C-alpha atoms as a PDB file:
ATOM      1  CA  MET A   1       5.873-178.579  74.860  1.00  0.00           C
ATOM      2  CA  LEU A   2       5.629-175.629  77.226  1.00  0.00           C
ATOM      3  CA  PRO A   3       3.252-172.641  77.386  1.00  0.00           C
ATOM      4  CA  ASN A   4       4.060-169.337  75.726  1.00  0.00           C
ATOM      5  CA  PHE A   5       1.538-167.415  77.827  1.00  0.00           C
ATOM      6  CA  ILE A   6       0.295-167.634  81.412  1.00  0.00           C
ATOM      7  CA  ILE A   7      -2.632-166.029  83.243  1.00  0.00           C
ATOM      8  CA  PRO A   8      -1.192-165.651  86.785  1.00  0.00           C
ATOM      9  CA  GLY A   9      -4.236-164.037  88.400  1.00  0.00           C
ATOM     10  CA  ALA A  10      -5.686-162.315  90.200  1.00  0.00           C
ATOM     11  CA  GLN A  11      -7.786-164.651  92.309  1.00  0.00           C
ATOM     12  CA  LYS A  12     -11.583-164.038  92.165  1.00  0.00           C
ATOM     13  CA  SER A  13     -11.163-161.782  89.124  1.00  0.00           C
ATOM     14  CA  GLY A  14     -12.663-163.722  86.228  1.00  0.00           C
ATOM     15  CA  THR A  15      -9.679-165.789  85.135  1.00  0.00           C
ATOM     16  CA  THR A  16     -11.835-168.902  84.726  1.00  0.00           C
ATOM     17  CA  ALA A  17     -14.196-167.091  82.359  1.00  0.00           C
ATOM     18  CA  LEU A  18     -11.210-165.838  80.364  1.00  0.00           C
ATOM     19  CA  ARG A  19      -9.777-169.347  80.125  1.00  0.00           C
ATOM     20  CA  ILE A  20     -13.090-170.692  78.798  1.00  0.00           C
ATOM     21  CA  TYR A  21     -13.335-167.886  76.231  1.00  0.00           C
ATOM     22  CA  LEU A  22      -9.786-168.344  74.981  1.00  0.00           C
ATOM     23  CA  ALA A  23     -10.230-172.111  74.707  1.00  0.00           C
ATOM     24  CA  GLN A  24     -12.828-171.470  71.971  1.00  0.00           C
ATOM     25  CA  HIS A  25     -10.164-170.097  69.636  1.00  0.00           C
ATOM     26  CA  PRO A  26      -8.805-172.704  67.187  1.00  0.00           C
ATOM     27  CA  ASP A  27      -5.269-171.384  67.501  1.00  0.00           C
ATOM     28  CA  ILE A  28      -5.193-171.314  71.306  1.00  0.00           C
ATOM     29  CA  TYR A  29      -4.556-174.315  73.529  1.00  0.00           C
ATOM     30  CA  MET A  30      -5.614-173.776  77.143  1.00  0.00           C
ATOM     31  CA  VAL A  31      -5.069-176.315  79.902  1.00  0.00           C
ATOM     32  CA  SER A  32      -8.501-176.938  81.407  1.00  0.00           C
ATOM     33  CA  LYS A  33      -7.389-177.028  85.045  1.00  0.00           C
ATOM     34  CA  GLU A  34      -5.183-175.003  87.348  1.00  0.00           C
ATOM     35  CA  ILE A  35      -1.813-176.744  87.338  1.00  0.00           C
ATOM     36  CA  HIS A  36      -0.247-175.101  90.417  1.00  0.00           C
ATOM     37  CA  PHE A  37       3.233-176.064  89.263  1.00  0.00           C
ATOM     38  CA  PHE A  38       5.153-172.947  90.235  1.00  0.00           C
ATOM     39  CA  ASP A  39       3.395-172.267  93.561  1.00  0.00           C
ATOM     40  CA  ASP A  40       2.970-175.777  94.982  1.00  0.00           C
ATOM     41  CA  GLU A  41       6.164-177.226  96.474  1.00  0.00           C
ATOM     42  CA  GLU A  42       5.127-180.827  95.949  1.00  0.00           C
ATOM     43  CA  ASN A  43       4.292-180.211  92.289  1.00  0.00           C
ATOM     44  CA  TYR A  44       7.396-178.096  91.718  1.00  0.00           C
ATOM     45  CA  ARG A  45       9.623-180.888  92.974  1.00  0.00           C
ATOM     46  CA  LYS A  46       8.140-183.186  90.330  1.00  0.00           C
ATOM     47  CA  GLY A  47      10.130-181.265  87.759  1.00  0.00           C
ATOM     48  CA  ILE A  48       9.594-179.707  84.372  1.00  0.00           C
ATOM     49  CA  GLU A  49       8.802-183.046  82.725  1.00  0.00           C
ATOM     50  CA  TRP A  50       5.701-183.342  84.922  1.00  0.00           C
ATOM     51  CA  TYR A  51       4.657-179.807  83.952  1.00  0.00           C
ATOM     52  CA  GLU A  52       5.147-180.488  80.243  1.00  0.00           C
ATOM     53  CA  LYS A  53       2.698-183.384  80.317  1.00  0.00           C
ATOM     54  CA  PHE A  54      -0.200-180.954  80.765  1.00  0.00           C
ATOM     55  CA  PHE A  55       0.476-179.684  77.246  1.00  0.00           C
ATOM     56  CA  ASP A  56       0.767-183.080  75.547  1.00  0.00           C
ATOM     57  CA  ASP A  57      -2.607-182.653  73.812  1.00  0.00           C
ATOM     58  CA  CYS A  58      -1.498-179.497  72.036  1.00  0.00           C
ATOM     59  CA  LYS A  59      -1.957-179.959  68.277  1.00  0.00           C
ATOM     60  CA  GLY A  60       0.137-177.177  66.858  1.00  0.00           C
ATOM     61  CA  GLU A  61      -1.797-174.208  68.244  1.00  0.00           C
ATOM     62  CA  ARG A  62       0.256-171.018  68.108  1.00  0.00           C
ATOM     63  CA  ALA A  63      -0.747-169.790  71.571  1.00  0.00           C
ATOM     64  CA  ILE A  64      -0.359-172.276  74.414  1.00  0.00           C
ATOM     65  CA  GLY A  65      -1.448-171.221  77.862  1.00  0.00           C
ATOM     66  CA  GLU A  66      -2.408-172.038  81.405  1.00  0.00           C
ATOM     67  CA  LYS A  67      -3.986-170.075  84.227  1.00  0.00           C
ATOM     68  CA  THR A  68      -3.319-170.472  87.925  1.00  0.00           C
ATOM     69  CA  PRO A  69      -4.452-167.424  89.949  1.00  0.00           C
ATOM     70  CA  GLU A  70      -2.170-168.248  92.853  1.00  0.00           C
ATOM     71  CA  TYR A  71       0.861-167.393  90.703  1.00  0.00           C
ATOM     72  CA  LEU A  72       0.335-163.651  91.149  1.00  0.00           C
ATOM     73  CA  TYR A  73       0.271-163.666  94.939  1.00  0.00           C
ATOM     74  CA  ASP A  74       2.966-166.235  95.701  1.00  0.00           C
ATOM     75  CA  GLU A  75       6.300-164.457  96.186  1.00  0.00           C
ATOM     76  CA  ARG A  76       8.379-167.299  94.723  1.00  0.00           C
ATOM     77  CA  VAL A  77       6.567-167.724  91.445  1.00  0.00           C
ATOM     78  CA  SER A  78       7.802-164.886  89.226  1.00  0.00           C
ATOM     79  CA  GLU A  79      11.424-166.015  89.457  1.00  0.00           C
ATOM     80  CA  ARG A  80      10.479-169.662  89.047  1.00  0.00           C
ATOM     81  CA  ILE A  81       8.527-168.902  85.879  1.00  0.00           C
ATOM     82  CA  TYR A  82      11.397-166.816  84.513  1.00  0.00           C
ATOM     83  CA  LYS A  83      13.905-169.622  85.002  1.00  0.00           C
ATOM     84  CA  VAL A  84      11.767-171.990  82.922  1.00  0.00           C
ATOM     85  CA  LEU A  85       9.962-169.587  80.564  1.00  0.00           C
ATOM     86  CA  PRO A  86      12.006-166.377  80.189  1.00  0.00           C
ATOM     87  CA  ASN A  87      10.035-165.217  77.129  1.00  0.00           C
ATOM     88  CA  VAL A  88       6.537-166.120  78.308  1.00  0.00           C
ATOM     89  CA  LYS A  89       3.718-163.588  77.933  1.00  0.00           C
ATOM     90  CA  LEU A  90       1.714-162.706  81.039  1.00  0.00           C
ATOM     91  CA  ILE A  91      -1.951-161.710  81.123  1.00  0.00           C
ATOM     92  CA  PHE A  92      -2.957-160.166  84.448  1.00  0.00           C
ATOM     93  CA  VAL A  93      -6.715-160.003  85.074  1.00  0.00           C
ATOM     94  CA  LEU A  94      -7.357-157.433  87.792  1.00  0.00           C
ATOM     95  CA  ARG A  95     -10.604-156.679  89.594  1.00  0.00           C
ATOM     96  CA  ASN A  96     -11.522-153.766  91.821  1.00  0.00           C
ATOM     97  CA  PRO A  97      -9.670-154.924  94.969  1.00  0.00           C
ATOM     98  CA  VAL A  98     -12.596-153.937  97.193  1.00  0.00           C
ATOM     99  CA  ASP A  99     -14.974-156.250  95.333  1.00  0.00           C
ATOM    100  CA  ARG A 100     -12.297-158.912  95.045  1.00  0.00           C
ATOM    101  CA  ALA A 101     -11.807-158.949  98.817  1.00  0.00           C
ATOM    102  CA  TYR A 102     -15.546-159.317  99.451  1.00  0.00           C
ATOM    103  CA  SER A 103     -15.869-162.109  96.884  1.00  0.00           C
ATOM    104  CA  HIS A 104     -12.874-163.857  98.472  1.00  0.00           C
ATOM    105  CA  TYR A 105     -14.514-163.554 101.895  1.00  0.00           C
ATOM    106  CA  TRP A 106     -17.806-165.107 100.749  1.00  0.00           C
ATOM    107  CA  HIS A 107     -15.951-167.893  98.984  1.00  0.00           C
ATOM    108  CA  ASN A 108     -14.334-168.715 102.322  1.00  0.00           C
ATOM    109  CA  VAL A 109     -17.697-168.556 104.110  1.00  0.00           C
ATOM    110  CA  ARG A 110     -19.215-171.050 101.664  1.00  0.00           C
ATOM    111  CA  SER A 111     -16.139-173.256 102.019  1.00  0.00           C
ATOM    112  CA  GLY A 112     -16.406-173.331 105.797  1.00  0.00           C
ATOM    113  CA  LEU A 113     -13.123-171.485 106.250  1.00  0.00           C
ATOM    114  CA  GLU A 114     -14.554-168.248 107.624  1.00  0.00           C
ATOM    115  CA  THR A 115     -16.826-167.642 110.618  1.00  0.00           C
ATOM    116  CA  LEU A 116     -16.052-163.987 111.334  1.00  0.00           C
ATOM    117  CA  SER A 117     -17.956-161.043 109.904  1.00  0.00           C
ATOM    118  CA  PHE A 118     -16.277-159.358 106.937  1.00  0.00           C
ATOM    119  CA  GLU A 119     -15.410-156.342 109.065  1.00  0.00           C
ATOM    120  CA  LYS A 120     -13.846-158.480 111.775  1.00  0.00           C
ATOM    121  CA  ALA A 121     -12.035-160.605 109.172  1.00  0.00           C
ATOM    122  CA  ILE A 122     -10.274-157.639 107.574  1.00  0.00           C
ATOM    123  CA  GLU A 123      -9.498-156.251 111.028  1.00  0.00           C
ATOM    124  CA  LYS A 124      -7.878-159.557 112.040  1.00  0.00           C
ATOM    125  CA  GLU A 125      -6.160-160.190 108.695  1.00  0.00           C
ATOM    126  CA  GLU A 126      -2.675-159.069 109.644  1.00  0.00           C
ATOM    127  CA  GLU A 127      -2.736-161.119 112.838  1.00  0.00           C
ATOM    128  CA  ARG A 128      -4.142-164.231 111.143  1.00  0.00           C
ATOM    129  CA  THR A 129      -1.803-164.170 108.151  1.00  0.00           C
ATOM    130  CA  LYS A 130       1.299-164.196 110.335  1.00  0.00           C
ATOM    131  CA  ASN A 131       0.676-167.926 110.361  1.00  0.00           C
ATOM    132  CA  PRO A 132       2.014-169.160 106.968  1.00  0.00           C
ATOM    133  CA  GLU A 133      -0.750-171.784 106.815  1.00  0.00           C
ATOM    134  CA  PHE A 134      -3.399-169.046 106.829  1.00  0.00           C
ATOM    135  CA  LYS A 135      -1.672-166.435 104.648  1.00  0.00           C
ATOM    136  CA  LYS A 136      -3.266-167.566 101.386  1.00  0.00           C
ATOM    137  CA  ILE A 137      -6.672-168.188 102.958  1.00  0.00           C
ATOM    138  CA  TYR A 138      -7.264-164.914 104.794  1.00  0.00           C
ATOM    139  CA  SER A 139      -5.341-162.425 102.616  1.00  0.00           C
ATOM    140  CA  TYR A 140      -8.422-160.374 101.721  1.00  0.00           C
ATOM    141  CA  LYS A 141      -6.680-156.997 101.606  1.00  0.00           C
ATOM    142  CA  ASP A 142      -3.134-158.096 100.909  1.00  0.00           C
ATOM    143  CA  ARG A 143      -4.021-159.780  97.620  1.00  0.00           C
ATOM    144  CA  GLY A 144      -5.509-156.509  96.392  1.00  0.00           C
ATOM    145  CA  LYS A 145      -2.142-154.726  96.477  1.00  0.00           C
ATOM    146  CA  TYR A 146      -1.651-155.721  92.852  1.00  0.00           C
ATOM    147  CA  ILE A 147       1.186-153.329  92.125  1.00  0.00           C
ATOM    148  CA  LEU A 148       3.459-154.960  94.713  1.00  0.00           C
ATOM    149  CA  GLN A 149       2.876-158.369  93.174  1.00  0.00           C
ATOM    150  CA  ILE A 150       3.260-157.169  89.583  1.00  0.00           C
ATOM    151  CA  LYS A 151       6.543-155.450  90.417  1.00  0.00           C
ATOM    152  CA  ARG A 152       7.951-158.823  91.406  1.00  0.00           C
ATOM    153  CA  TYR A 153       7.265-159.930  87.841  1.00  0.00           C
ATOM    154  CA  ALA A 154       8.767-156.698  86.505  1.00  0.00           C
ATOM    155  CA  ASN A 155      12.043-157.700  88.149  1.00  0.00           C
ATOM    156  CA  PHE A 156      12.294-160.468  85.556  1.00  0.00           C
ATOM    157  CA  PHE A 157      10.015-159.660  82.614  1.00  0.00           C
ATOM    158  CA  PRO A 158       9.772-156.554  80.399  1.00  0.00           C
ATOM    159  CA  LYS A 159       6.494-154.647  80.289  1.00  0.00           C
ATOM    160  CA  SER A 160       6.155-155.662  76.652  1.00  0.00           C
ATOM    161  CA  ASN A 161       5.517-159.206  77.886  1.00  0.00           C
ATOM    162  CA  MET A 162       2.700-158.058  80.188  1.00  0.00           C
ATOM    163  CA  LEU A 163      -0.938-157.307  79.430  1.00  0.00           C
ATOM    164  CA  PHE A 164      -3.250-155.829  82.050  1.00  0.00           C
ATOM    165  CA  VAL A 165      -6.939-156.667  81.687  1.00  0.00           C
ATOM    166  CA  LEU A 166      -9.644-155.306  83.969  1.00  0.00           C
ATOM    167  CA  ALA A 167     -12.235-157.832  85.098  1.00  0.00           C
ATOM    168  CA  GLU A 168     -14.852-155.113  84.713  1.00  0.00           C
ATOM    169  CA  ASP A 169     -13.911-154.668  81.036  1.00  0.00           C
ATOM    170  CA  LEU A 170     -14.030-158.406  80.424  1.00  0.00           C
ATOM    171  CA  LYS A 171     -17.576-158.403  81.765  1.00  0.00           C
ATOM    172  CA  GLU A 172     -18.874-155.143  80.272  1.00  0.00           C
ATOM    173  CA  ASP A 173     -16.871-154.853  77.033  1.00  0.00           C
ATOM    174  CA  ARG A 174     -16.034-158.464  76.318  1.00  0.00           C
ATOM    175  CA  LYS A 175     -15.593-158.160  72.552  1.00  0.00           C
ATOM    176  CA  ASN A 176     -12.988-155.402  72.586  1.00  0.00           C
ATOM    177  CA  THR A 177     -11.222-156.852  75.607  1.00  0.00           C
ATOM    178  CA  LEU A 178     -10.806-160.222  73.905  1.00  0.00           C
ATOM    179  CA  LYS A 179      -9.586-158.482  70.742  1.00  0.00           C
ATOM    180  CA  LYS A 180      -6.893-156.782  72.795  1.00  0.00           C
ATOM    181  CA  ILE A 181      -5.839-160.133  74.232  1.00  0.00           C
ATOM    182  CA  LEU A 182      -5.683-161.774  70.795  1.00  0.00           C
ATOM    183  CA  LYS A 183      -3.498-158.953  69.476  1.00  0.00           C
ATOM    184  CA  PHE A 184      -1.199-159.401  72.458  1.00  0.00           C
ATOM    185  CA  LEU A 185      -0.918-163.095  71.560  1.00  0.00           C
ATOM    186  CA  ASN A 186      -0.207-162.200  67.908  1.00  0.00           C
ATOM    187  CA  LEU A 187      -3.432-163.823  66.714  1.00  0.00           C
ATOM    188  CA  GLU A 188      -6.150-162.624  64.354  1.00  0.00           C
ATOM    189  CA  PRO A 189      -8.249-160.297  66.544  1.00  0.00           C
ATOM    190  CA  ASP A 190     -11.592-160.673  64.750  1.00  0.00           C
ATOM    191  CA  PHE A 191     -12.478-164.164  65.960  1.00  0.00           C
ATOM    192  CA  GLU A 192     -16.093-164.349  67.138  1.00  0.00           C
ATOM    193  CA  PHE A 193     -16.317-165.806  70.626  1.00  0.00           C
ATOM    194  CA  LYS A 194     -19.548-167.368  71.842  1.00  0.00           C
ATOM    195  CA  ASP A 195     -21.161-165.873  74.907  1.00  0.00           C
ATOM    196  CA  LEU A 196     -20.824-167.863  78.091  1.00  0.00           C
ATOM    197  CA  LYS A 197     -23.910-168.892  79.981  1.00  0.00           C
ATOM    198  CA  GLU A 198     -23.942-167.331  83.403  1.00  0.00           C
ATOM    199  CA  LYS A 199     -22.742-169.958  85.827  1.00  0.00           C
ATOM    200  CA  HIS A 200     -24.127-169.471  89.320  1.00  0.00           C
ATOM    201  CA  VAL A 201     -21.203-169.903  91.666  1.00  0.00           C
ATOM    202  CA  GLY A 202     -22.371-167.589  94.434  1.00  0.00           C
ATOM    203  CA  GLY A 203     -25.064-168.071  96.991  1.00  0.00           C
ATOM    204  CA  ILE A 204     -25.038-168.253 100.751  1.00  0.00           C
ATOM    205  CA  PRO A 205     -24.703-171.202 103.141  1.00  0.00           C
ATOM    206  CA  ARG A 206     -27.867-172.897 104.407  1.00  0.00           C
ATOM    207  CA  SER A 207     -26.176-174.210 107.532  1.00  0.00           C
ATOM    208  CA  LYS A 208     -23.218-172.839 109.490  1.00  0.00           C
ATOM    209  CA  PHE A 209     -22.561-176.350 110.765  1.00  0.00           C
ATOM    210  CA  LEU A 210     -22.234-177.787 107.247  1.00  0.00           C
ATOM    211  CA  ALA A 211     -20.111-174.815 106.184  1.00  0.00           C
ATOM    212  CA  ARG A 212     -17.710-175.507 109.066  1.00  0.00           C
ATOM    213  CA  LEU A 213     -17.757-179.207 108.175  1.00  0.00           C
ATOM    214  CA  ALA A 214     -16.703-178.383 104.599  1.00  0.00           C
ATOM    215  CA  GLY A 215     -13.772-176.466 106.049  1.00  0.00           C
ATOM    216  CA  ASN A 216     -12.595-179.403 108.160  1.00  0.00           C
ATOM    217  CA  GLU A 217      -9.018-180.353 107.235  1.00  0.00           C
ATOM    218  CA  TYR A 218      -9.950-183.987 106.564  1.00  0.00           C
ATOM    219  CA  ILE A 219     -12.911-183.023 104.360  1.00  0.00           C
ATOM    220  CA  ARG A 220     -10.838-180.469 102.433  1.00  0.00           C
ATOM    221  CA  LYS A 221      -8.414-183.214 101.417  1.00  0.00           C
ATOM    222  CA  HIS A 222     -11.288-185.163  99.813  1.00  0.00           C
ATOM    223  CA  ARG A 223     -12.444-182.898  97.009  1.00  0.00           C
ATOM    224  CA  ILE A 224     -15.512-184.914  95.971  1.00  0.00           C
ATOM    225  CA  LEU A 225     -16.863-184.962  99.525  1.00  0.00           C
ATOM    226  CA  LYS A 226     -16.002-181.295 100.080  1.00  0.00           C
ATOM    227  CA  ASP A 227     -17.721-180.231  96.841  1.00  0.00           C
ATOM    228  CA  PHE A 228     -20.787-182.328  97.683  1.00  0.00           C
ATOM    229  CA  ILE A 229     -21.177-180.669 101.084  1.00  0.00           C
ATOM    230  CA  LYS A 230     -20.733-177.215  99.541  1.00  0.00           C
ATOM    231  CA  ARG A 231     -23.294-177.983  96.840  1.00  0.00           C
ATOM    232  CA  ILE A 232     -26.051-179.175  99.169  1.00  0.00           C
ATOM    233  CA  ASN A 233     -25.307-176.379 101.623  1.00  0.00           C
ATOM    234  CA  THR A 234     -25.433-173.492  99.148  1.00  0.00           C
ATOM    235  CA  LYS A 235     -28.747-171.846  98.457  1.00  0.00           C
ATOM    236  CA  ARG A 236     -29.378-169.390  95.683  1.00  0.00           C
ATOM    237  CA  GLY A 237     -29.508-165.795  96.694  1.00  0.00           C
ATOM    238  CA  LYS A 238     -27.491-162.639  96.515  1.00  0.00           C
ATOM    239  CA  ILE A 239     -24.886-162.115  99.152  1.00  0.00           C
ATOM    240  CA  PRO A 240     -25.693-159.125 101.359  1.00  0.00           C
ATOM    241  CA  PRO A 241     -24.184-155.840 100.150  1.00  0.00           C
ATOM    242  CA  MET A 242     -21.017-154.627 101.774  1.00  0.00           C
ATOM    243  CA  LYS A 243     -21.569-152.021 104.458  1.00  0.00           C
ATOM    244  CA  ARG A 244     -21.075-148.516 103.091  1.00  0.00           C
ATOM    245  CA  ASN A 245     -18.508-147.533 105.717  1.00  0.00           C
ATOM    246  CA  THR A 246     -16.542-150.717 105.083  1.00  0.00           C
ATOM    247  CA  ARG A 247     -16.470-150.058 101.335  1.00  0.00           C
ATOM    248  CA  LYS A 248     -15.294-146.501 101.914  1.00  0.00           C
ATOM    249  CA  TYR A 249     -12.565-147.690 104.268  1.00  0.00           C
ATOM    250  CA  LEU A 250     -11.291-150.180 101.673  1.00  0.00           C
ATOM    251  CA  GLU A 251     -11.431-147.650  98.837  1.00  0.00           C
ATOM    252  CA  ILE A 252      -9.189-145.366 100.875  1.00  0.00           C
ATOM    253  CA  TYR A 253      -6.964-148.288 101.889  1.00  0.00           C
ATOM    254  CA  PHE A 254      -6.331-149.355  98.291  1.00  0.00           C
ATOM    255  CA  GLU A 255      -6.099-145.888  96.722  1.00  0.00           C
ATOM    256  CA  GLU A 256      -2.324-145.499  96.999  1.00  0.00           C
ATOM    257  CA  TYR A 257      -1.720-148.929  95.478  1.00  0.00           C
ATOM    258  CA  ASN A 258      -4.244-148.320  92.698  1.00  0.00           C
ATOM    259  CA  ARG A 259      -2.711-144.967  91.764  1.00  0.00           C
ATOM    260  CA  GLU A 260       0.717-146.555  91.520  1.00  0.00           C
ATOM    261  CA  LEU A 261      -0.732-149.377  89.423  1.00  0.00           C
ATOM    262  CA  GLU A 262      -2.261-146.851  87.014  1.00  0.00           C
ATOM    263  CA  LYS A 263       1.117-145.218  86.455  1.00  0.00           C
ATOM    264  CA  PHE A 264       3.072-148.435  86.133  1.00  0.00           C
ATOM    265  CA  ALA A 265       0.652-150.268  83.849  1.00  0.00           C
ATOM    266  CA  GLY A 266      -0.538-147.244  81.889  1.00  0.00           C
ATOM    267  CA  ILE A 267      -4.187-148.102  82.472  1.00  0.00           C
ATOM    268  CA  LYS A 268      -7.186-146.102  83.630  1.00  0.00           C
ATOM    269  CA  LEU A 269      -8.892-147.331  86.774  1.00  0.00           C
ATOM    270  CA  ASP A 270     -11.948-145.085  86.522  1.00  0.00           C
ATOM    271  CA  LYS A 271     -14.185-148.080  87.257  1.00  0.00           C
ATOM    272  CA  TRP A 272     -12.527-148.556  90.627  1.00  0.00           C
ATOM    273  CA  PRO A 273     -13.917-145.787  92.880  1.00  0.00           C
ATOM    274  CA  MET A 274     -11.271-143.904  94.821  1.00  0.00           C
ATOM    275  CA  LYS A 275     -11.688-140.929  97.133  1.00  0.00           C
END
């Protein structure tokens, strides 16, 4: 058994919430974890039989899916998916790239992977991401160029196999957004989804030392220990707002890419401020 739809991203855009919503539907089977088959070399070498095992618990559901947000950004993935699943449907969840970048940054801060200010981090991004080991970690701006990543998929898949969902719509107009997704999956659109309880995943680090410890390479390889350090080191509280000049700079930076995305995807990005 293999999936007939995939949520490839974007990272920090609400894909986990969407997975949990869709898993409520009796005719949808969603894998509960990120598989990282197509983007992780070690997993990819395990072969399609390894991938299929994640869908062994499927009990005849019509829509079978998985979500791994790294699939959108990784340059190799679109072709790899096409070779295995040429008819798969793709649901892209896209968030205002300015907010996505800031959320990505604070995730790295909490994980002990970032010690620079946000302004310095985006200034140093190009230099840092020349190192392949850091490309996925520090790609705050680059990941927000959604159109470039989606066009890689368009090289293999028709637009009819793609659905573009705004993270802002999923949050503010959940009911109609989920209806649109169900129609795309050829399912009855009037299913009543239960509201999700707000899960607090934000916060700010109590200790810079513990944050750096959580980012240690040895600690990162031991998920239980890493998660424990993050948990005890995160205190509730809103992250500080982005500086106004920084937000304006990023809005201008992303405008060209957002305009092109609007045309390609046929969607309105009114909720993403542009100059």
